[in-house]
Structures are given as C-alpha cells and as structure tokens.
PDB file of N, CA and C in Angstrom:
ATOM      1  N   UNK A   1     123.388  55.442  94.149  1.00  0.00           N
ATOM      2  CA  UNK A   1     122.709  56.658  93.614  1.00  0.00           C
ATOM      3  C   UNK A   1     124.017  57.504  93.599  1.00  0.00           C
ATOM      4  N   UNK A   2     123.674  58.643  92.265  1.00  0.00           N
ATOM      5  CA  UNK A   2     124.704  58.711  92.050  1.00  0.00           C
ATOM      6  C   UNK A   2     124.462  60.958  92.313  1.00  0.00           C
ATOM      7  N   UNK A   3     125.329  61.385  92.503  1.00  0.00           N
ATOM      8  CA  UNK A   3     125.622  62.682  93.051  1.00  0.00           C
ATOM      9  C   UNK A   3     125.564  63.741  91.981  1.00  0.00           C
ATOM     10  N   UNK A   4     124.647  64.310  92.771  1.00  0.00           N
ATOM     11  CA  UNK A   4     124.363  65.805  91.152  1.00  0.00           C
ATOM     12  C   UNK A   4     125.723  66.965  91.271  1.00  0.00           C
ATOM     13  N   UNK A   5     126.703  67.084  90.611  1.00  0.00           N
ATOM     14  CA  UNK A   5     127.180  68.053  90.818  1.00  0.00           C
ATOM     15  C   UNK A   5     126.421  69.591  90.662  1.00  0.00           C
ATOM     16  N   UNK A   6     126.825  70.662  90.743  1.00  0.00           N
ATOM     17  CA  UNK A   6     126.412  71.747  90.210  1.00  0.00           C
ATOM     18  C   UNK A   6     127.472  72.442  90.661  1.00  0.00           C
ATOM     19  N   UNK A   7     128.097  73.570  89.776  1.00  0.00           N
ATOM     20  CA  UNK A   7     129.787  74.607  89.450  1.00  0.00           C
ATOM     21  C   UNK A   7     129.550  75.322  90.547  1.00  0.00           C
ATOM     22  N   UNK A   8     130.216  75.768  91.306  1.00  0.00           N
ATOM     23  CA  UNK A   8     130.281  76.939  92.120  1.00  0.00           C
ATOM     24  C   UNK A   8     131.022  77.996  91.724  1.00  0.00           C
ATOM     25  N   UNK A   9     130.698  79.368  91.796  1.00  0.00           N
ATOM     26  CA  UNK A   9     131.620  80.180  91.458  1.00  0.00           C
ATOM     27  C   UNK A   9     131.886  80.722  92.568  1.00  0.00           C
ATOM     28  N   UNK A  10     132.950  80.965  92.801  1.00  0.00           N
ATOM     29  CA  UNK A  10     133.900  81.593  93.985  1.00  0.00           C
ATOM     30  C   UNK A  10     133.449  83.119  94.076  1.00  0.00           C
ATOM     31  N   UNK A  11     133.411  83.620  95.174  1.00  0.00           N
ATOM     32  CA  UNK A  11     132.891  85.491  94.856  1.00  0.00           C
ATOM     33  C   UNK A  11     132.104  85.510  94.575  1.00  0.00           C
ATOM     34  N   UNK A  12     130.277  84.950  94.271  1.00  0.00           N
ATOM     35  CA  UNK A  12     129.601  85.237  93.976  1.00  0.00           C
ATOM     36  C   UNK A  12     128.457  86.385  95.158  1.00  0.00           C
ATOM     37  N   UNK A  13     127.983  87.685  94.246  1.00  0.00           N
ATOM     38  CA  UNK A  13     127.743  88.538  95.394  1.00  0.00           C
ATOM     39  C   UNK A  13     126.547  88.456  95.795  1.00  0.00           C
ATOM     40  N   UNK A  14     125.914  88.815  96.385  1.00  0.00           N
ATOM     41  CA  UNK A  14     124.339  88.305  97.093  1.00  0.00           C
ATOM     42  C   UNK A  14     123.340  89.587  96.123  1.00  0.00           C
ATOM     43  N   UNK A  15     122.470  89.403  95.474  1.00  0.00           N
ATOM     44  CA  UNK A  15     121.843  90.501  94.723  1.00  0.00           C
ATOM     45  C   UNK A  15     121.807  91.633  95.171  1.00  0.00           C
ATOM     46  N   UNK A  16     121.637  92.632  94.625  1.00  0.00           N
ATOM     47  CA  UNK A  16     121.985  94.354  94.785  1.00  0.00           C
ATOM     48  C   UNK A  16     120.375  94.775  94.662  1.00  0.00           C
ATOM     49  N   UNK A  17     120.253  96.050  95.666  1.00  0.00           N
ATOM     50  CA  UNK A  17     118.786  96.793  94.370  1.00  0.00           C
ATOM     51  C   UNK A  17     119.756  97.359  93.530  1.00  0.00           C
ATOM     52  N   UNK A  18     119.010  97.593  92.844  1.00  0.00           N
ATOM     53  CA  UNK A  18     118.957  98.468  91.667  1.00  0.00           C
ATOM     54  C   UNK A  18     118.931  99.780  91.524  1.00  0.00           C
ATOM     55  N   UNK A  19     117.755 100.059  92.514  1.00  0.00           N
ATOM     56  CA  UNK A  19     117.317 101.244  92.546  1.00  0.00           C
ATOM     57  C   UNK A  19     117.475 101.791  94.280  1.00  0.00           C
ATOM     58  N   UNK A  20     116.926 102.928  94.265  1.00  0.00           N
ATOM     59  CA  UNK A  20     117.099 103.326  95.940  1.00  0.00           C
ATOM     60  C   UNK A  20     116.237 103.237  96.359  1.00  0.00           C
ATOM     61  N   UNK A  21     116.359 103.392  97.695  1.00  0.00           N
ATOM     62  CA  UNK A  21     115.576 102.222  98.544  1.00  0.00           C
ATOM     63  C   UNK A  21     115.573 103.400  99.889  1.00  0.00           C
ATOM     64  N   UNK A  22     113.953 103.915  99.713  1.00  0.00           N
ATOM     65  CA  UNK A  22     113.703 104.848 101.152  1.00  0.00           C
ATOM     66  C   UNK A  22     114.377 104.242 102.759  1.00  0.00           C
ATOM     67  N   UNK A  23     114.821 105.460 103.330  1.00  0.00           N
ATOM     68  CA  UNK A  23     114.610 105.136 104.541  1.00  0.00           C
ATOM     69  C   UNK A  23     113.434 106.396 105.723  1.00  0.00           C
ATOM     70  N   UNK A  24     113.141 105.474 106.704  1.00  0.00           N
ATOM     71  CA  UNK A  24     112.419 105.903 107.393  1.00  0.00           C
ATOM     72  C   UNK A  24     112.781 106.976 108.015  1.00  0.00           C
ATOM     73  N   UNK A  25     112.319 108.341 108.358  1.00  0.00           N
ATOM     74  CA  UNK A  25     112.626 109.147 109.300  1.00  0.00           C
ATOM     75  C   UNK A  25     111.790 109.640 109.918  1.00  0.00           C
ATOM     76  N   UNK A  26     112.000 110.524 110.784  1.00  0.00           N
ATOM     77  CA  UNK A  26     110.748 110.794 111.964  1.00  0.00           C
ATOM     78  C   UNK A  26     110.645 112.743 110.652  1.00  0.00           C
ATOM     79  N   UNK A  27     108.892 112.639 110.335  1.00  0.00           N
ATOM     80  CA  UNK A  27     109.011 114.104 109.655  1.00  0.00           C
ATOM     81  C   UNK A  27     109.002 114.931 110.999  1.00  0.00           C
ATOM     82  N   UNK A  28     109.268 116.205 109.704  1.00  0.00           N
ATOM     83  CA  UNK A  28     109.579 117.348 111.259  1.00  0.00           C
ATOM     84  C   UNK A  28     108.294 118.372 110.507  1.00  0.00           C
ATOM     85  N   UNK A  29     108.000 118.584 111.878  1.00  0.00           N
ATOM     86  CA  UNK A  29     106.499 119.766 111.579  1.00  0.00           C
ATOM     87  C   UNK A  29     106.398 120.548 112.580  1.00  0.00           C
ATOM     88  N   UNK A  30     107.265 121.248 112.885  1.00  0.00           N
ATOM     89  CA  UNK A  30     107.832 122.573 113.628  1.00  0.00           C
ATOM     90  C   UNK A  30     108.059 122.948 115.201  1.00  0.00           C
ATOM     91  N   UNK A  31     107.414 123.899 115.208  1.00  0.00           N
ATOM     92  CA  UNK A  31     107.234 123.706 117.054  1.00  0.00           C
ATOM     93  C   UNK A  31     106.413 122.802 117.435  1.00  0.00           C
ATOM     94  N   UNK A  32     107.000 122.550 118.960  1.00  0.00           N
ATOM     95  CA  UNK A  32     105.706 121.208 119.592  1.00  0.00           C
ATOM     96  C   UNK A  32     106.229 122.055 120.379  1.00  0.00           C
ATOM     97  N   UNK A  33     105.558 121.245 121.915  1.00  0.00           N
ATOM     98  CA  UNK A  33     105.841 120.934 123.298  1.00  0.00           C
ATOM     99  C   UNK A  33     105.996 119.643 124.232  1.00  0.00           C
ATOM    100  N   UNK A  34     106.272 119.491 124.854  1.00  0.00           N
ATOM    101  CA  UNK A  34     106.624 118.271 125.644  1.00  0.00           C
ATOM    102  C   UNK A  34     106.615 118.615 127.048  1.00  0.00           C
ATOM    103  N   UNK A  35     105.445 117.803 127.532  1.00  0.00           N
ATOM    104  CA  UNK A  35     104.966 117.623 128.999  1.00  0.00           C
ATOM    105  C   UNK A  35     106.480 117.533 129.605  1.00  0.00           C
ATOM    106  N   UNK A  36     106.486 118.825 130.551  1.00  0.00           N
ATOM    107  CA  UNK A  36     107.518 118.531 131.787  1.00  0.00           C
ATOM    108  C   UNK A  36     107.812 117.025 132.159  1.00  0.00           C
ATOM    109  N   UNK A  37     109.091 116.138 132.666  1.00  0.00           N
ATOM    110  CA  UNK A  37     109.255 115.758 133.710  1.00  0.00           C
ATOM    111  C   UNK A  37     108.761 115.458 135.157  1.00  0.00           C
ATOM    112  N   UNK A  38     108.406 117.082 135.293  1.00  0.00           N
ATOM    113  CA  UNK A  38     108.569 117.422 137.151  1.00  0.00           C
ATOM    114  C   UNK A  38     106.488 117.025 137.242  1.00  0.00           C
ATOM    115  N   UNK A  39     106.391 117.098 136.546  1.00  0.00           N
ATOM    116  CA  UNK A  39     103.869 117.160 136.031  1.00  0.00           C
ATOM    117  C   UNK A  39     103.994 115.611 135.725  1.00  0.00           C
ATOM    118  N   UNK A  40     103.196 114.804 136.276  1.00  0.00           N
ATOM    119  CA  UNK A  40     102.657 114.320 136.660  1.00  0.00           C
ATOM    120  C   UNK A  40     101.188 114.744 135.088  1.00  0.00           C
ATOM    121  N   UNK A  41     100.868 115.178 135.362  1.00  0.00           N
ATOM    122  CA  UNK A  41      99.568 115.534 134.206  1.00  0.00           C
ATOM    123  C   UNK A  41      99.463 117.224 133.397  1.00  0.00           C
ATOM    124  N   UNK A  42      99.047 117.447 132.269  1.00  0.00           N
ATOM    125  CA  UNK A  42      98.600 118.835 132.301  1.00  0.00           C
ATOM    126  C   UNK A  42      97.344 119.068 131.641  1.00  0.00           C
ATOM    127  N   UNK A  43      96.800 119.419 132.336  1.00  0.00           N
ATOM    128  CA  UNK A  43      95.482 119.923 131.603  1.00  0.00           C
ATOM    129  C   UNK A  43      95.270 120.440 130.165  1.00  0.00           C
ATOM    130  N   UNK A  44      93.983 120.118 129.353  1.00  0.00           N
ATOM    131  CA  UNK A  44      94.311 120.364 127.815  1.00  0.00           C
ATOM    132  C   UNK A  44      92.579 121.193 128.533  1.00  0.00           C
ATOM    133  N   UNK A  45      92.756 122.724 127.620  1.00  0.00           N
ATOM    134  CA  UNK A  45      91.555 123.443 128.126  1.00  0.00           C
ATOM    135  C   UNK A  45      90.965 123.891 126.593  1.00  0.00           C
ATOM    136  N   UNK A  46      89.767 123.957 126.632  1.00  0.00           N
ATOM    137  CA  UNK A  46      88.944 124.769 125.302  1.00  0.00           C
ATOM    138  C   UNK A  46      89.758 126.489 125.499  1.00  0.00           C
ATOM    139  N   UNK A  47      89.886 127.059 126.570  1.00  0.00           N
ATOM    140  CA  UNK A  47      90.531 127.840 126.355  1.00  0.00           C
ATOM    141  C   UNK A  47      91.597 128.355 127.400  1.00  0.00           C
ATOM    142  N   UNK A  48      92.101 129.650 127.068  1.00  0.00           N
ATOM    143  CA  UNK A  48      93.486 129.651 127.665  1.00  0.00           C
ATOM    144  C   UNK A  48      92.669 130.532 128.515  1.00  0.00           C
ATOM    145  N   UNK A  49      92.393 129.534 129.994  1.00  0.00           N
ATOM    146  CA  UNK A  49      92.328 130.489 131.193  1.00  0.00           C
ATOM    147  C   UNK A  49      92.017 129.029 131.838  1.00  0.00           C
ATOM    148  N   UNK A  50      92.811 129.426 133.390  1.00  0.00           N
ATOM    149  CA  UNK A  50      93.088 128.553 134.495  1.00  0.00           C
ATOM    150  C   UNK A  50      91.964 128.207 135.720  1.00  0.00           C
ATOM    151  N   UNK A  51      91.156 128.941 135.809  1.00  0.00           N
ATOM    152  CA  UNK A  51      90.462 128.588 136.455  1.00  0.00           C
ATOM    153  C   UNK A  51      89.477 126.969 136.299  1.00  0.00           C
ATOM    154  N   UNK A  52      89.097 127.130 137.788  1.00  0.00           N
ATOM    155  CA  UNK A  52      88.410 125.475 137.841  1.00  0.00           C
ATOM    156  C   UNK A  52      87.255 125.721 136.605  1.00  0.00           C
ATOM    157  N   UNK A  53      86.419 126.504 136.903  1.00  0.00           N
ATOM    158  CA  UNK A  53      85.462 126.873 135.736  1.00  0.00           C
ATOM    159  C   UNK A  53      85.223 127.061 134.468  1.00  0.00           C
ATOM    160  N   UNK A  54      86.790 126.987 133.878  1.00  0.00           N
ATOM    161  CA  UNK A  54      86.746 127.468 132.597  1.00  0.00           C
ATOM    162  C   UNK A  54      86.590 125.204 132.039  1.00  0.00           C
ATOM    163  N   UNK A  55      86.739 125.292 130.687  1.00  0.00           N
ATOM    164  CA  UNK A  55      86.213 123.282 130.114  1.00  0.00           C
ATOM    165  C   UNK A  55      87.734 123.387 129.686  1.00  0.00           C
ATOM    166  N   UNK A  56      87.892 121.999 130.681  1.00  0.00           N
ATOM    167  CA  UNK A  56      89.258 120.965 130.689  1.00  0.00           C
ATOM    168  C   UNK A  56      88.385 120.013 129.704  1.00  0.00           C
ATOM    169  N   UNK A  57      89.708 119.901 128.166  1.00  0.00           N
ATOM    170  CA  UNK A  57      88.829 119.253 127.268  1.00  0.00           C
ATOM    171  C   UNK A  57      90.118 117.437 127.590  1.00  0.00           C
ATOM    172  N   UNK A  58      90.718 117.638 128.061  1.00  0.00           N
ATOM    173  CA  UNK A  58      92.403 116.299 128.240  1.00  0.00           C
ATOM    174  C   UNK A  58      93.163 116.855 129.310  1.00  0.00           C
ATOM    175  N   UNK A  59      93.750 115.968 128.902  1.00  0.00           N
ATOM    176  CA  UNK A  59      95.285 116.028 129.602  1.00  0.00           C
ATOM    177  C   UNK A  59      96.404 115.424 129.090  1.00  0.00           C
ATOM    178  N   UNK A  60      97.806 115.774 128.915  1.00  0.00           N
ATOM    179  CA  UNK A  60      98.928 115.435 128.428  1.00  0.00           C
ATOM    180  C   UNK A  60      99.423 114.354 129.519  1.00  0.00           C
ATOM    181  N   UNK A  61     100.530 113.520 129.692  1.00  0.00           N
ATOM    182  CA  UNK A  61     101.251 113.330 130.767  1.00  0.00           C
ATOM    183  C   UNK A  61     102.727 113.413 130.940  1.00  0.00           C
ATOM    184  N   UNK A  62     102.946 112.844 131.303  1.00  0.00           N
ATOM    185  CA  UNK A  62     104.617 113.295 131.539  1.00  0.00           C
ATOM    186  C   UNK A  62     105.578 113.217 130.194  1.00  0.00           C
ATOM    187  N   UNK A  63     105.682 113.758 130.183  1.00  0.00           N
ATOM    188  CA  UNK A  63     106.389 113.166 128.036  1.00  0.00           C
ATOM    189  C   UNK A  63     106.299 113.299 127.148  1.00  0.00           C
ATOM    190  N   UNK A  64     104.646 113.684 127.219  1.00  0.00           N
ATOM    191  CA  UNK A  64     103.924 113.359 126.164  1.00  0.00           C
ATOM    192  C   UNK A  64     104.190 114.873 125.525  1.00  0.00           C
ATOM    193  N   UNK A  65     104.077 114.598 123.959  1.00  0.00           N
ATOM    194  CA  UNK A  65     104.278 115.698 122.848  1.00  0.00           C
ATOM    195  C   UNK A  65     103.407 116.097 122.216  1.00  0.00           C
ATOM    196  N   UNK A  66     103.323 117.191 121.812  1.00  0.00           N
ATOM    197  CA  UNK A  66     101.966 117.758 121.179  1.00  0.00           C
ATOM    198  C   UNK A  66     102.405 119.532 120.190  1.00  0.00           C
ATOM    199  N   UNK A  67     101.907 118.930 118.723  1.00  0.00           N
ATOM    200  CA  UNK A  67     102.419 120.182 118.427  1.00  0.00           C
ATOM    201  C   UNK A  67     101.638 121.394 118.317  1.00  0.00           C
ATOM    202  N   UNK A  68     102.351 122.841 118.234  1.00  0.00           N
ATOM    203  CA  UNK A  68     102.469 124.326 118.861  1.00  0.00           C
ATOM    204  C   UNK A  68     102.129 124.856 118.129  1.00  0.00           C
ATOM    205  N   UNK A  69     100.806 125.514 117.843  1.00  0.00           N
ATOM    206  CA  UNK A  69      99.985 126.317 117.022  1.00  0.00           C
ATOM    207  C   UNK A  69      99.893 127.567 117.536  1.00  0.00           C
ATOM    208  N   UNK A  70     100.635 128.036 118.452  1.00  0.00           N
ATOM    209  CA  UNK A  70     100.380 129.508 118.959  1.00  0.00           C
ATOM    210  C   UNK A  70     100.461 129.824 120.632  1.00  0.00           C
ATOM    211  N   UNK A  71     100.606 131.042 120.313  1.00  0.00           N
ATOM    212  CA  UNK A  71     100.546 131.555 121.960  1.00  0.00           C
ATOM    213  C   UNK A  71     100.111 133.116 122.365  1.00  0.00           C
ATOM    214  N   UNK A  72      99.124 132.954 123.278  1.00  0.00           N
ATOM    215  CA  UNK A  72      98.767 134.073 123.646  1.00  0.00           C
ATOM    216  C   UNK A  72      98.917 133.869 125.553  1.00  0.00           C
ATOM    217  N   UNK A  73     100.009 134.823 125.489  1.00  0.00           N
ATOM    218  CA  UNK A  73     100.127 135.287 127.433  1.00  0.00           C
ATOM    219  C   UNK A  73     101.046 133.796 127.193  1.00  0.00           C
ATOM    220  N   UNK A  74     100.359 132.981 128.496  1.00  0.00           N
ATOM    221  CA  UNK A  74     100.755 132.225 129.376  1.00  0.00           C
ATOM    222  C   UNK A  74     100.211 130.962 128.839  1.00  0.00           C
ATOM    223  N   UNK A  75      99.711 130.654 127.622  1.00  0.00           N
ATOM    224  CA  UNK A  75      99.226 129.788 127.393  1.00  0.00           C
ATOM    225  C   UNK A  75      99.402 128.892 125.716  1.00  0.00           C
ATOM    226  N   UNK A  76      99.553 128.373 125.449  1.00  0.00           N
ATOM    227  CA  UNK A  76     100.046 127.541 124.118  1.00  0.00           C
ATOM    228  C   UNK A  76      99.350 126.555 123.578  1.00  0.00           C
ATOM    229  N   UNK A  77      99.317 127.384 122.722  1.00  0.00           N
ATOM    230  CA  UNK A  77      97.784 126.556 121.719  1.00  0.00           C
ATOM    231  C   UNK A  77      98.363 125.307 120.389  1.00  0.00           C
ATOM    232  N   UNK A  78      97.632 124.162 121.318  1.00  0.00           N
ATOM    233  CA  UNK A  78      97.904 122.677 120.731  1.00  0.00           C
ATOM    234  C   UNK A  78      96.886 122.669 119.705  1.00  0.00           C
ATOM    235  N   UNK A  79      97.711 121.214 118.376  1.00  0.00           N
ATOM    236  CA  UNK A  79      96.766 120.178 118.045  1.00  0.00           C
ATOM    237  C   UNK A  79      96.421 119.279 119.079  1.00  0.00           C
ATOM    238  N   UNK A  80      94.803 119.286 119.367  1.00  0.00           N
ATOM    239  CA  UNK A  80      94.770 118.577 120.157  1.00  0.00           C
ATOM    240  C   UNK A  80      93.200 117.256 119.211  1.00  0.00           C
ATOM    241  N   UNK A  81      93.962 116.226 119.088  1.00  0.00           N
ATOM    242  CA  UNK A  81      92.453 116.013 117.800  1.00  0.00           C
ATOM    243  C   UNK A  81      91.184 114.973 118.968  1.00  0.00           C
ATOM    244  N   UNK A  82      90.333 115.066 118.487  1.00  0.00           N
ATOM    245  CA  UNK A  82      89.235 114.509 119.107  1.00  0.00           C
ATOM    246  C   UNK A  82      88.416 115.512 119.507  1.00  0.00           C
ATOM    247  N   UNK A  83      88.637 116.928 120.017  1.00  0.00           N
ATOM    248  CA  UNK A  83      87.839 117.221 120.404  1.00  0.00           C
ATOM    249  C   UNK A  83      87.394 118.477 119.682  1.00  0.00           C
ATOM    250  N   UNK A  84      85.982 119.264 120.035  1.00  0.00           N
ATOM    251  CA  UNK A  84      85.724 120.568 118.648  1.00  0.00           C
ATOM    252  C   UNK A  84      86.942 121.702 118.103  1.00  0.00           C
ATOM    253  N   UNK A  85      87.064 121.397 117.053  1.00  0.00           N
ATOM    254  CA  UNK A  85      88.239 122.258 116.487  1.00  0.00           C
ATOM    255  C   UNK A  85      89.854 121.571 116.676  1.00  0.00           C
ATOM    256  N   UNK A  86      90.298 120.825 116.916  1.00  0.00           N
ATOM    257  CA  UNK A  86      90.717 120.119 117.289  1.00  0.00           C
ATOM    258  C   UNK A  86      92.317 120.609 117.854  1.00  0.00           C
ATOM    259  N   UNK A  87      91.949 121.736 118.403  1.00  0.00           N
ATOM    260  CA  UNK A  87      92.852 122.437 119.571  1.00  0.00           C
ATOM    261  C   UNK A  87      92.506 122.740 120.508  1.00  0.00           C
ATOM    262  N   UNK A  88      93.458 122.442 121.605  1.00  0.00           N
ATOM    263  CA  UNK A  88      93.087 122.603 122.990  1.00  0.00           C
ATOM    264  C   UNK A  88      94.447 123.870 122.850  1.00  0.00           C
ATOM    265  N   UNK A  89      94.129 124.235 124.719  1.00  0.00           N
ATOM    266  CA  UNK A  89      95.702 124.999 125.307  1.00  0.00           C
ATOM    267  C   UNK A  89      96.564 124.401 126.264  1.00  0.00           C
ATOM    268  N   UNK A  90      97.061 124.429 126.967  1.00  0.00           N
ATOM    269  CA  UNK A  90      97.758 123.793 127.709  1.00  0.00           C
ATOM    270  C   UNK A  90      98.581 125.202 128.589  1.00  0.00           C
ATOM    271  N   UNK A  91      99.126 125.729 129.880  1.00  0.00           N
ATOM    272  CA  UNK A  91     100.171 126.624 130.077  1.00  0.00           C
ATOM    273  C   UNK A  91     101.518 126.033 129.728  1.00  0.00           C
ATOM    274  N   UNK A  92     101.895 126.893 129.638  1.00  0.00           N
ATOM    275  CA  UNK A  92     103.664 126.960 129.098  1.00  0.00           C
ATOM    276  C   UNK A  92     104.690 126.424 130.273  1.00  0.00           C
ATOM    277  N   UNK A  93     104.208 126.882 131.572  1.00  0.00           N
ATOM    278  CA  UNK A  93     104.987 126.683 132.783  1.00  0.00           C
ATOM    279  C   UNK A  93     105.026 125.330 132.653  1.00  0.00           C
ATOM    280  N   UNK A  94     103.989 124.706 132.488  1.00  0.00           N
ATOM    281  CA  UNK A  94     104.548 123.128 132.159  1.00  0.00           C
ATOM    282  C   UNK A  94     104.408 121.977 131.394  1.00  0.00           C
ATOM    283  N   UNK A  95     105.110 122.602 130.601  1.00  0.00           N
ATOM    284  CA  UNK A  95     105.531 122.155 129.031  1.00  0.00           C
ATOM    285  C   UNK A  95     107.130 123.001 128.907  1.00  0.00           C
ATOM    286  N   UNK A  96     107.393 122.478 127.574  1.00  0.00           N
ATOM    287  CA  UNK A  96     108.529 122.993 127.321  1.00  0.00           C
ATOM    288  C   UNK A  96     108.570 122.750 125.357  1.00  0.00           C
ATOM    289  N   UNK A  97     108.866 124.127 125.347  1.00  0.00           N
ATOM    290  CA  UNK A  97     108.364 124.535 123.289  1.00  0.00           C
ATOM    291  C   UNK A  97     109.717 123.706 123.033  1.00  0.00           C
ATOM    292  N   UNK A  98     109.789 123.424 121.722  1.00  0.00           N
ATOM    293  CA  UNK A  98     110.800 122.938 120.831  1.00  0.00           C
ATOM    294  C   UNK A  98     109.920 123.569 119.515  1.00  0.00           C
ATOM    295  N   UNK A  99     111.741 123.313 119.181  1.00  0.00           N
ATOM    296  CA  UNK A  99     111.664 124.331 117.155  1.00  0.00           C
ATOM    297  C   UNK A  99     110.907 124.915 116.509  1.00  0.00           C
ATOM    298  N   UNK A 100     110.876 126.306 117.825  1.00  0.00           N
ATOM    299  CA  UNK A 100     110.847 127.694 117.220  1.00  0.00           C
ATOM    300  C   UNK A 100     109.884 128.762 118.517  1.00  0.00           C
ATOM    301  N   UNK A 101     109.681 129.784 117.500  1.00  0.00           N
ATOM    302  CA  UNK A 101     108.911 130.270 118.296  1.00  0.00           C
ATOM    303  C   UNK A 101     107.620 130.139 117.613  1.00  0.00           C
ATOM    304  N   UNK A 102     106.897 130.672 118.636  1.00  0.00           N
ATOM    305  CA  UNK A 102     105.282 130.651 118.270  1.00  0.00           C
ATOM    306  C   UNK A 102     104.393 131.841 117.667  1.00  0.00           C
ATOM    307  N   UNK A 103     103.742 132.553 116.750  1.00  0.00           N
ATOM    308  CA  UNK A 103     102.556 132.905 116.726  1.00  0.00           C
ATOM    309  C   UNK A 103     101.943 133.648 117.692  1.00  0.00           C
ATOM    310  N   UNK A 104     101.675 134.993 118.075  1.00  0.00           N
ATOM    311  CA  UNK A 104     100.544 134.899 119.086  1.00  0.00           C
ATOM    312  C   UNK A 104      99.148 135.238 118.025  1.00  0.00           C
ATOM    313  N   UNK A 105      98.619 133.954 118.587  1.00  0.00           N
ATOM    314  CA  UNK A 105      96.928 134.275 118.660  1.00  0.00           C
ATOM    315  C   UNK A 105      96.211 134.662 119.299  1.00  0.00           C
ATOM    316  N   UNK A 106      94.993 135.057 117.944  1.00  0.00           N
ATOM    317  CA  UNK A 106      93.830 135.576 118.969  1.00  0.00           C
ATOM    318  C   UNK A 106      93.114 135.087 119.538  1.00  0.00           C
ATOM    319  N   UNK A 107      92.368 135.435 120.910  1.00  0.00           N
ATOM    320  CA  UNK A 107      91.964 134.664 121.339  1.00  0.00           C
ATOM    321  C   UNK A 107      90.662 133.526 121.043  1.00  0.00           C
ATOM    322  N   UNK A 108      90.276 132.749 121.562  1.00  0.00           N
ATOM    323  CA  UNK A 108      89.381 132.344 120.619  1.00  0.00           C
ATOM    324  C   UNK A 108      87.535 132.905 121.742  1.00  0.00           C
ATOM    325  N   UNK A 109      86.655 133.311 120.687  1.00  0.00           N
ATOM    326  CA  UNK A 109      85.580 133.198 121.335  1.00  0.00           C
ATOM    327  C   UNK A 109      85.340 132.592 122.491  1.00  0.00           C
ATOM    328  N   UNK A 110      85.114 133.489 123.520  1.00  0.00           N
ATOM    329  CA  UNK A 110      84.462 132.864 125.005  1.00  0.00           C
ATOM    330  C   UNK A 110      82.689 132.398 124.890  1.00  0.00           C
ATOM    331  N   UNK A 111      82.669 130.993 125.638  1.00  0.00           N
ATOM    332  CA  UNK A 111      81.650 130.477 125.310  1.00  0.00           C
ATOM    333  C   UNK A 111      80.432 131.136 126.358  1.00  0.00           C
ATOM    334  N   UNK A 112      79.417 131.245 125.559  1.00  0.00           N
ATOM    335  CA  UNK A 112      78.644 132.124 125.958  1.00  0.00           C
ATOM    336  C   UNK A 112      77.589 131.453 126.715  1.00  0.00           C
ATOM    337  N   UNK A 113      77.043 131.834 128.407  1.00  0.00           N
ATOM    338  CA  UNK A 113      76.982 130.936 129.260  1.00  0.00           C
ATOM    339  C   UNK A 113      74.810 130.505 129.342  1.00  0.00           C
ATOM    340  N   UNK A 114      74.533 129.748 129.423  1.00  0.00           N
ATOM    341  CA  UNK A 114      73.037 129.383 128.941  1.00  0.00           C
ATOM    342  C   UNK A 114      72.231 130.463 129.897  1.00  0.00           C
ATOM    343  N   UNK A 115      70.718 130.918 128.621  1.00  0.00           N
ATOM    344  CA  UNK A 115      70.303 131.463 129.667  1.00  0.00           C
ATOM    345  C   UNK A 115      69.540 130.819 129.669  1.00  0.00           C
ATOM    346  N   UNK A 116      68.358 130.150 130.837  1.00  0.00           N
ATOM    347  CA  UNK A 116      67.193 129.570 131.455  1.00  0.00           C
ATOM    348  C   UNK A 116      66.094 130.597 131.663  1.00  0.00           C
ATOM    349  N   UNK A 117      64.478 130.647 130.817  1.00  0.00           N
ATOM    350  CA  UNK A 117      64.003 130.608 131.330  1.00  0.00           C
ATOM    351  C   UNK A 117      62.923 130.306 132.346  1.00  0.00           C
ATOM    352  N   UNK A 118      62.986 131.079 133.401  1.00  0.00           N
ATOM    353  CA  UNK A 118      62.152 130.602 134.588  1.00  0.00           C
ATOM    354  C   UNK A 118      60.830 130.593 134.941  1.00  0.00           C
ATOM    355  N   UNK A 119      60.247 131.624 133.962  1.00  0.00           N
ATOM    356  CA  UNK A 119      59.021 131.797 133.370  1.00  0.00           C
ATOM    357  C   UNK A 119      58.127 130.567 133.805  1.00  0.00           C
TER     358      UNK A 119
END
C-alpha cells in the first residue's frame, strides 16, 4: 500500500473573516426601575393608588426590571405588557430608578364605579 503525501506549508493562518462581525450588546432603553433587594414583591397597579381597593394588575419580584415612563408624586409609570394599555404603576419607595430623571405625567382617568339599577 502506498502512502499519499500532501505538501504542507508552515505558518498557514486559519481562515479569517473579510467583513466586520456584529457583536451582541445590551439595548439602551433609557430610564428603568429595579425592585429593591429588601422587597419580596411589588404590586403593579392600574392607577397610582396604594389603597387596597385600587386595582392590582400584577407584581414584580426582587431584582426584576421594567422600563420607566414617567412619575406622578410617589408613583412611577412603567411598561407592563399584558395588561390593558401596556403600563402599570409602582410605588417609588419599593424600587430604584436608574438611567435618568422621569417626566411628570398626567394622572390616568379614574375608573367609573358601576351603577346598578335596583328597580
């Protein structure tokens, strides 16, 4: 049996890309909040209101982040997908704001109580 010989060139480099290769980086989205480490969960409300009667639409857990849209008093408006309007409100003492200041926003319209006709 005969061995086949192939010429070998010393110092051959591996194939190199001829175009730039994009790298994956985080997307900057401006101001955002992070739920404080000493808080198990934060209620996300439909309106800036701490009363138990105010509609709770969800929760954020320790360390969770959300894009911050605006501020009204002690409340921060955040992106909260999956609910009507795609936003919710969190109490600012329970979160830390990062990435800049927030504009003051108009309060949302309060829900109209249902009227029942007892006739």
